[in-house]
Amino acid sequence: MDEISAGTLYIVATPIGNSRDMSPRGMQILTEADIIAAEDTRRSMVLLNKLGIKNKLVSNHKFNEYGKAKYFIGEMKAGKSVAVITDAGTPCISDPGNELIKAAVEEGIRVVGVPGCCAAVNALAISGFDLSSFTFYGFFPRENAERRRLLEKLRRGDTRTFALYESPKRILELVDFFIEQEAEVRLCLCNDMTKLHEMSFRGTPAEVREQLLLKGSYDKGEYAVVLEVQPGYVFNKVEHTVSAEAMLVDAMVAGSLSAKEAVAAVLADENNSYSKNELKAAALRLKKLFE
């Protein structure tokens, strides 16, 4: 077993549903750490009571994370060890923790990861999809415009497999979105993983919709979603709707920019589909046109 070092920040993964998945090393760190920084102290208390761990709990959620980082840094500089946990799974993966880690790294404080459960990784592992490469996107956008932009990104990506999170209250809405967009994707929806009644819903969006409705109480329990874009649905070439020259001129006029500055501005635009070299070539063509 590890020796708990003074002035160290431990990033400890916790179970995503089954308390027996807590690692012995994780239990040791939480038992011996001076402070446990928890996303929700009430929920963490339930887990710690099950594990027989009694320790000093301090809240560290997304609304106070930046300010609390200073407090934790001060405690570690004074020689105390701090263990970060979230409600479930690995801290920082769509959960609080990153602000404190960044601050600790800047202060030269040792940061130690204590691996364990992660809902996205667990869902990917059981999906049956190609995992030679994959991308994690966190929670799926709520607005349809943002959803459409993300779907286009998925179709243009270098990988075909993606992991997402979604609320049980919006899971059917998510599936309906893919149906409405006629998206050629296969889904693996993982619900209540590691719990007694965990379920997976697999197939096309239409097939998954039928499975959810058949289940009935589909709007309960957390969902990790794995999506695989089908080969024929991938954009094989970039389809430009506006010329590179037009985008550069718009940027130059709107921001009183030079051609070089306009190239950088267009590259930063999420709606841009041109490469840096294509934009530079367009800038040269504009220059010759107005010489």
Protein backbone atom coordinates (compact mmCIF):
# COMPACT_ATOMS: atom_id res chain seq x y z
CA MET A 1 0.00 0.00 0.00
CA ASP A 2 1.04 3.60 -0.60
CA GLU A 3 2.32 5.97 2.03
CA ILE A 4 0.21 9.12 2.07
CA SER A 5 2.56 12.03 1.40
CA ALA A 6 2.11 15.40 3.05
CA GLY A 7 1.30 18.29 0.74
CA THR A 8 0.05 16.00 -2.05
CA LEU A 9 -3.09 16.23 -4.18
CA TYR A 10 -4.75 12.87 -4.86
CA ILE A 11 -7.31 12.51 -7.67
CA VAL A 12 -9.40 9.52 -6.60
CA ALA A 13 -11.92 7.72 -8.81
CA THR A 14 -15.06 6.48 -7.06
CA PRO A 15 -17.68 3.89 -8.13
CA ILE A 16 -20.27 4.84 -10.75
CA GLY A 17 -22.99 2.81 -9.10
CA ASN A 18 -21.64 -0.23 -7.29
CA SER A 19 -19.74 0.58 -4.08
CA ARG A 20 -17.83 -2.71 -4.35
CA ASP A 21 -15.93 -1.23 -7.30
CA MET A 22 -14.00 1.08 -4.97
CA SER A 23 -10.36 0.05 -5.14
CA PRO A 24 -8.43 -0.88 -1.96
CA ARG A 25 -5.87 1.81 -2.80
CA GLY A 26 -8.60 4.40 -3.24
CA MET A 27 -10.08 3.45 0.13
CA GLN A 28 -6.67 3.81 1.78
CA ILE A 29 -6.12 7.27 0.28
CA LEU A 30 -9.57 8.48 1.37
CA THR A 31 -9.11 7.04 4.85
CA GLU A 32 -5.71 8.63 5.45
CA ALA A 33 -5.99 11.94 3.55
CA ASP A 34 -6.30 15.04 5.74
CA ILE A 35 -9.09 16.52 3.59
CA ILE A 36 -11.53 15.08 1.05
CA ALA A 37 -12.66 17.62 -1.54
CA ALA A 38 -16.09 16.42 -2.70
CA GLU A 39 -18.39 17.58 -5.49
CA ASP A 40 -21.48 17.04 -3.30
CA THR A 41 -20.69 16.36 0.35
CA ARG A 42 -24.13 14.84 0.97
CA ARG A 43 -23.80 12.27 -1.81
CA SER A 44 -20.18 11.54 -0.95
CA MET A 45 -21.12 10.98 2.67
CA VAL A 46 -23.42 8.13 1.61
CA LEU A 47 -20.54 6.37 -0.17
CA LEU A 48 -18.02 7.03 2.60
CA ASN A 49 -20.43 5.68 5.22
CA LYS A 50 -20.83 2.48 3.17
CA LEU A 51 -17.06 2.15 3.02
CA GLY A 52 -16.63 2.93 6.73
CA ILE A 53 -14.57 6.05 6.01
CA LYS A 54 -14.82 9.07 8.28
CA ASN A 55 -12.84 12.10 7.21
CA LYS A 56 -13.03 15.86 6.80
CA LEU A 57 -15.29 16.64 3.81
CA VAL A 58 -15.06 20.03 2.07
CA SER A 59 -17.24 20.98 -0.92
CA ASN A 60 -15.53 21.46 -4.28
CA HIS A 61 -18.27 21.84 -6.90
CA LYS A 62 -18.30 23.69 -10.23
CA PHE A 63 -19.76 26.86 -8.67
CA ASN A 64 -17.02 27.33 -6.06
CA GLU A 65 -14.14 25.41 -7.60
CA TYR A 66 -12.04 28.41 -8.59
CA GLY A 67 -12.25 30.11 -5.19
CA LYS A 68 -11.82 26.90 -3.20
CA ALA A 69 -8.63 26.06 -5.11
CA LYS A 70 -6.81 28.75 -3.12
CA TYR A 71 -7.98 27.20 0.15
CA PHE A 72 -6.83 23.70 -0.81
CA ILE A 73 -3.48 25.00 -2.11
CA GLY A 74 -2.91 26.73 1.22
CA GLU A 75 -3.71 23.54 3.14
CA MET A 76 -1.31 21.49 1.02
CA LYS A 77 1.43 24.07 1.38
CA ALA A 78 0.92 23.71 5.13
CA GLY A 79 1.67 20.00 4.77
CA LYS A 80 -1.80 18.48 4.50
CA SER A 81 -2.85 15.90 1.91
CA VAL A 82 -6.04 16.48 -0.13
CA ALA A 83 -8.07 13.82 -1.97
CA VAL A 84 -10.47 14.96 -4.70
CA ILE A 85 -13.60 12.94 -5.47
CA THR A 86 -16.77 13.56 -7.46
CA ASP A 87 -20.27 12.16 -7.10
CA ALA A 88 -19.29 9.17 -9.24
CA GLY A 89 -16.41 8.18 -11.48
CA THR A 90 -13.15 9.96 -12.25
CA PRO A 91 -12.76 13.66 -11.34
CA CYS A 92 -12.32 16.14 -14.22
CA ILE A 93 -14.14 13.94 -16.76
CA SER A 94 -17.18 16.24 -17.12
CA ASP A 95 -16.82 16.80 -13.37
CA PRO A 96 -15.03 19.33 -11.11
CA GLY A 97 -11.36 19.01 -10.26
CA ASN A 98 -9.42 20.53 -13.14
CA GLU A 99 -9.11 24.06 -11.68
CA LEU A 100 -7.55 22.66 -8.52
CA ILE A 101 -5.17 20.43 -10.48
CA LYS A 102 -4.03 23.33 -12.66
CA ALA A 103 -3.43 25.47 -9.57
CA ALA A 104 -1.51 22.65 -7.88
CA VAL A 105 0.70 22.12 -10.92
CA GLU A 106 1.46 25.86 -11.10
CA GLU A 107 2.44 25.81 -7.42
CA GLY A 108 4.71 22.79 -7.88
CA ILE A 109 2.50 20.55 -5.73
CA ARG A 110 2.65 16.83 -6.44
CA VAL A 111 -0.50 15.45 -8.12
CA VAL A 112 -1.21 11.71 -7.93
CA GLY A 113 -3.96 9.90 -9.82
CA VAL A 114 -5.74 6.96 -8.18
CA PRO A 115 -7.49 5.24 -11.12
CA GLY A 116 -10.83 3.52 -11.06
CA CYS A 117 -14.28 3.83 -12.61
CA CYS A 118 -15.15 6.15 -15.49
CA ALA A 119 -18.61 5.90 -17.08
CA ALA A 120 -17.41 6.93 -20.55
CA VAL A 121 -14.58 4.38 -20.61
CA ASN A 122 -16.83 1.63 -19.27
CA ALA A 123 -19.46 2.36 -21.94
CA LEU A 124 -16.82 2.37 -24.68
CA ALA A 125 -15.46 -0.95 -23.46
CA ILE A 126 -18.83 -2.71 -23.72
CA SER A 127 -20.05 -0.97 -26.89
CA GLY A 128 -18.60 -3.41 -29.40
CA PHE A 129 -17.64 -0.49 -31.66
CA ASP A 130 -14.23 0.20 -33.23
CA LEU A 131 -12.05 1.58 -30.42
CA SER A 132 -8.79 1.98 -32.34
CA SER A 133 -9.51 5.69 -31.81
CA PHE A 134 -12.38 7.56 -30.17
CA THR A 135 -13.38 11.02 -28.95
CA PHE A 136 -15.12 12.05 -25.72
CA TYR A 137 -17.51 15.01 -25.99
CA GLY A 138 -18.99 15.26 -22.50
CA PHE A 139 -22.68 16.16 -22.32
CA PHE A 140 -24.61 16.44 -25.58
CA PRO A 141 -25.71 20.04 -26.38
CA ARG A 142 -29.26 21.06 -25.46
CA GLU A 143 -29.97 23.43 -28.37
CA ASN A 144 -30.77 21.94 -31.79
CA ALA A 145 -28.47 24.37 -33.61
CA GLU A 146 -25.54 23.28 -31.44
CA ARG A 147 -26.56 19.64 -31.88
CA ARG A 148 -26.50 19.99 -35.65
CA ARG A 149 -23.07 21.61 -35.55
CA LEU A 150 -21.76 18.79 -33.36
CA LEU A 151 -23.25 16.14 -35.65
CA GLU A 152 -21.45 17.75 -38.58
CA LYS A 153 -18.20 17.64 -36.60
CA LEU A 154 -18.76 13.95 -35.90
CA ARG A 155 -19.22 13.30 -39.61
CA ARG A 156 -16.03 15.18 -40.48
CA GLY A 157 -13.84 13.70 -37.74
CA ASP A 158 -10.83 11.43 -38.14
CA THR A 159 -12.49 8.91 -35.84
CA ARG A 160 -15.92 7.29 -36.11
CA THR A 161 -16.55 6.42 -32.45
CA PHE A 162 -17.65 8.98 -29.87
CA ALA A 163 -18.62 8.87 -26.19
CA LEU A 164 -21.19 11.28 -24.73
CA TYR A 165 -23.22 11.77 -21.57
CA GLU A 166 -26.93 12.58 -21.45
CA SER A 167 -29.54 13.20 -18.79
CA PRO A 168 -32.25 10.53 -18.44
CA LYS A 169 -34.83 13.32 -18.88
CA ARG A 170 -33.42 14.14 -22.35
CA ILE A 171 -32.34 10.71 -23.57
CA LEU A 172 -35.39 10.14 -25.81
CA GLU A 173 -35.03 13.67 -27.17
CA LEU A 174 -31.44 12.84 -28.09
CA VAL A 175 -32.46 9.67 -29.94
CA ASP A 176 -35.29 11.55 -31.70
CA PHE A 177 -32.79 14.17 -32.86
CA PHE A 178 -30.72 11.51 -34.64
CA ILE A 179 -33.89 10.09 -36.21
CA GLU A 180 -35.04 13.52 -37.42
CA GLN A 181 -31.59 14.22 -38.90
CA GLU A 182 -31.65 10.80 -40.61
CA ALA A 183 -28.24 10.24 -39.05
CA GLU A 184 -26.58 7.03 -40.20
CA VAL A 185 -25.14 6.07 -36.84
CA ARG A 186 -25.28 3.12 -34.49
CA LEU A 187 -25.85 3.72 -30.81
CA CYS A 188 -25.03 1.97 -27.57
CA LEU A 189 -26.90 3.59 -24.67
CA CYS A 190 -25.64 2.38 -21.29
CA ASN A 191 -28.01 2.96 -18.38
CA ASP A 192 -27.22 2.49 -14.67
CA MET A 193 -23.92 0.77 -15.35
CA THR A 194 -22.60 -1.51 -12.57
CA LYS A 195 -25.95 -1.38 -10.76
CA LEU A 196 -28.30 -4.34 -10.27
CA HIS A 197 -30.61 -3.40 -13.17
CA GLU A 198 -28.09 -1.99 -15.63
CA MET A 199 -29.19 -2.09 -19.27
CA SER A 200 -27.75 -1.42 -22.73
CA PHE A 201 -29.79 -0.32 -25.74
CA ARG A 202 -28.13 -1.00 -29.07
CA GLY A 203 -28.82 -0.42 -32.76
CA THR A 204 -29.91 2.35 -35.09
CA PRO A 205 -31.61 5.39 -33.52
CA ALA A 206 -35.02 4.01 -34.54
CA GLU A 207 -34.26 0.59 -33.04
CA VAL A 208 -32.97 2.15 -29.82
CA ARG A 209 -36.09 4.31 -29.57
CA GLU A 210 -38.29 1.20 -29.67
CA GLN A 211 -36.15 -0.43 -26.97
CA LEU A 212 -36.42 2.61 -24.70
CA LEU A 213 -40.19 2.80 -25.04
CA LEU A 214 -40.45 -0.93 -24.39
CA LYS A 215 -38.49 -0.48 -21.16
CA GLY A 216 -40.99 2.10 -19.99
CA SER A 217 -39.03 3.78 -17.19
CA TYR A 218 -36.23 4.87 -19.52
CA ASP A 219 -36.12 8.37 -17.98
CA LYS A 220 -34.40 7.17 -14.81
CA GLY A 221 -30.73 6.53 -14.14
CA GLU A 222 -27.71 8.10 -15.81
CA TYR A 223 -26.80 7.42 -19.46
CA ALA A 224 -23.44 7.09 -21.15
CA VAL A 225 -23.88 7.11 -24.92
CA VAL A 226 -21.48 5.61 -27.44
CA LEU A 227 -22.05 6.53 -31.07
CA GLU A 228 -20.46 5.05 -34.17
CA VAL A 229 -20.74 6.96 -37.45
CA GLN A 230 -21.38 4.58 -40.34
CA PRO A 231 -18.83 4.62 -43.20
CA GLY A 232 -21.27 5.95 -45.81
CA TYR A 233 -22.27 8.84 -43.53
CA VAL A 234 -18.75 10.24 -43.16
CA PHE A 235 -17.92 13.35 -45.18
CA ASN A 236 -15.25 12.15 -47.61
CA LYS A 237 -14.58 15.62 -48.91
CA VAL A 238 -15.15 19.12 -47.61
CA GLU A 239 -18.30 20.71 -48.99
CA HIS A 240 -17.85 24.50 -49.02
CA THR A 241 -20.97 26.67 -49.13
CA VAL A 242 -19.10 30.01 -49.13
CA SER A 243 -15.85 30.75 -50.95
CA ALA A 244 -12.68 31.28 -48.96
CA GLU A 245 -12.28 34.72 -50.54
CA ALA A 246 -15.77 35.75 -49.42
CA MET A 247 -15.13 34.65 -45.84
CA LEU A 248 -11.85 36.58 -45.76
CA VAL A 249 -13.41 39.75 -47.17
CA ASP A 250 -16.27 39.52 -44.64
CA ALA A 251 -13.77 39.20 -41.80
CA MET A 252 -11.64 42.08 -43.10
CA VAL A 253 -14.62 44.43 -43.44
CA ALA A 254 -16.31 43.45 -40.18
CA GLY A 255 -13.17 43.76 -38.06
CA SER A 256 -11.03 46.19 -40.08
CA LEU A 257 -8.45 43.42 -40.33
CA SER A 258 -5.46 42.87 -42.57
CA ALA A 259 -5.47 39.82 -44.85
CA LYS A 260 -3.17 37.98 -42.42
CA GLU A 261 -5.41 38.84 -39.47
CA ALA A 262 -8.48 37.78 -41.45
CA VAL A 263 -6.94 34.34 -42.08
CA ALA A 264 -6.50 33.85 -38.33
CA ALA A 265 -10.05 35.10 -37.63
CA VAL A 266 -11.63 32.73 -40.18
CA LEU A 267 -9.61 29.80 -38.85
CA ALA A 268 -11.02 30.50 -35.39
CA ASP A 269 -14.61 30.53 -36.71
CA GLU A 270 -16.32 27.21 -35.88
CA ASN A 271 -18.34 27.46 -39.12
CA ASN A 272 -15.17 27.58 -41.22
CA SER A 273 -14.32 24.46 -43.22
CA TYR A 274 -11.19 25.72 -45.00
CA SER A 275 -7.64 24.78 -44.04
CA LYS A 276 -4.97 27.32 -43.19
CA ASN A 277 -3.20 26.74 -46.53
CA GLU A 278 -6.47 27.18 -48.47
CA LEU A 279 -7.13 30.49 -46.72
CA LYS A 280 -3.58 31.72 -47.33
CA ALA A 281 -3.95 30.90 -51.03
CA ALA A 282 -7.26 32.78 -51.12
CA ALA A 283 -5.60 35.79 -49.46
CA LEU A 284 -2.91 35.79 -52.16
CA ARG A 285 -5.57 35.67 -54.88
CA LEU A 286 -7.32 38.65 -53.29
CA LYS A 287 -4.04 40.54 -53.12
CA LYS A 288 -3.37 39.97 -56.84
CA LEU A 289 -6.94 40.93 -57.71
CA PHE A 290 -6.63 44.35 -56.06
CA GLU A 291 -3.04 45.16 -57.02
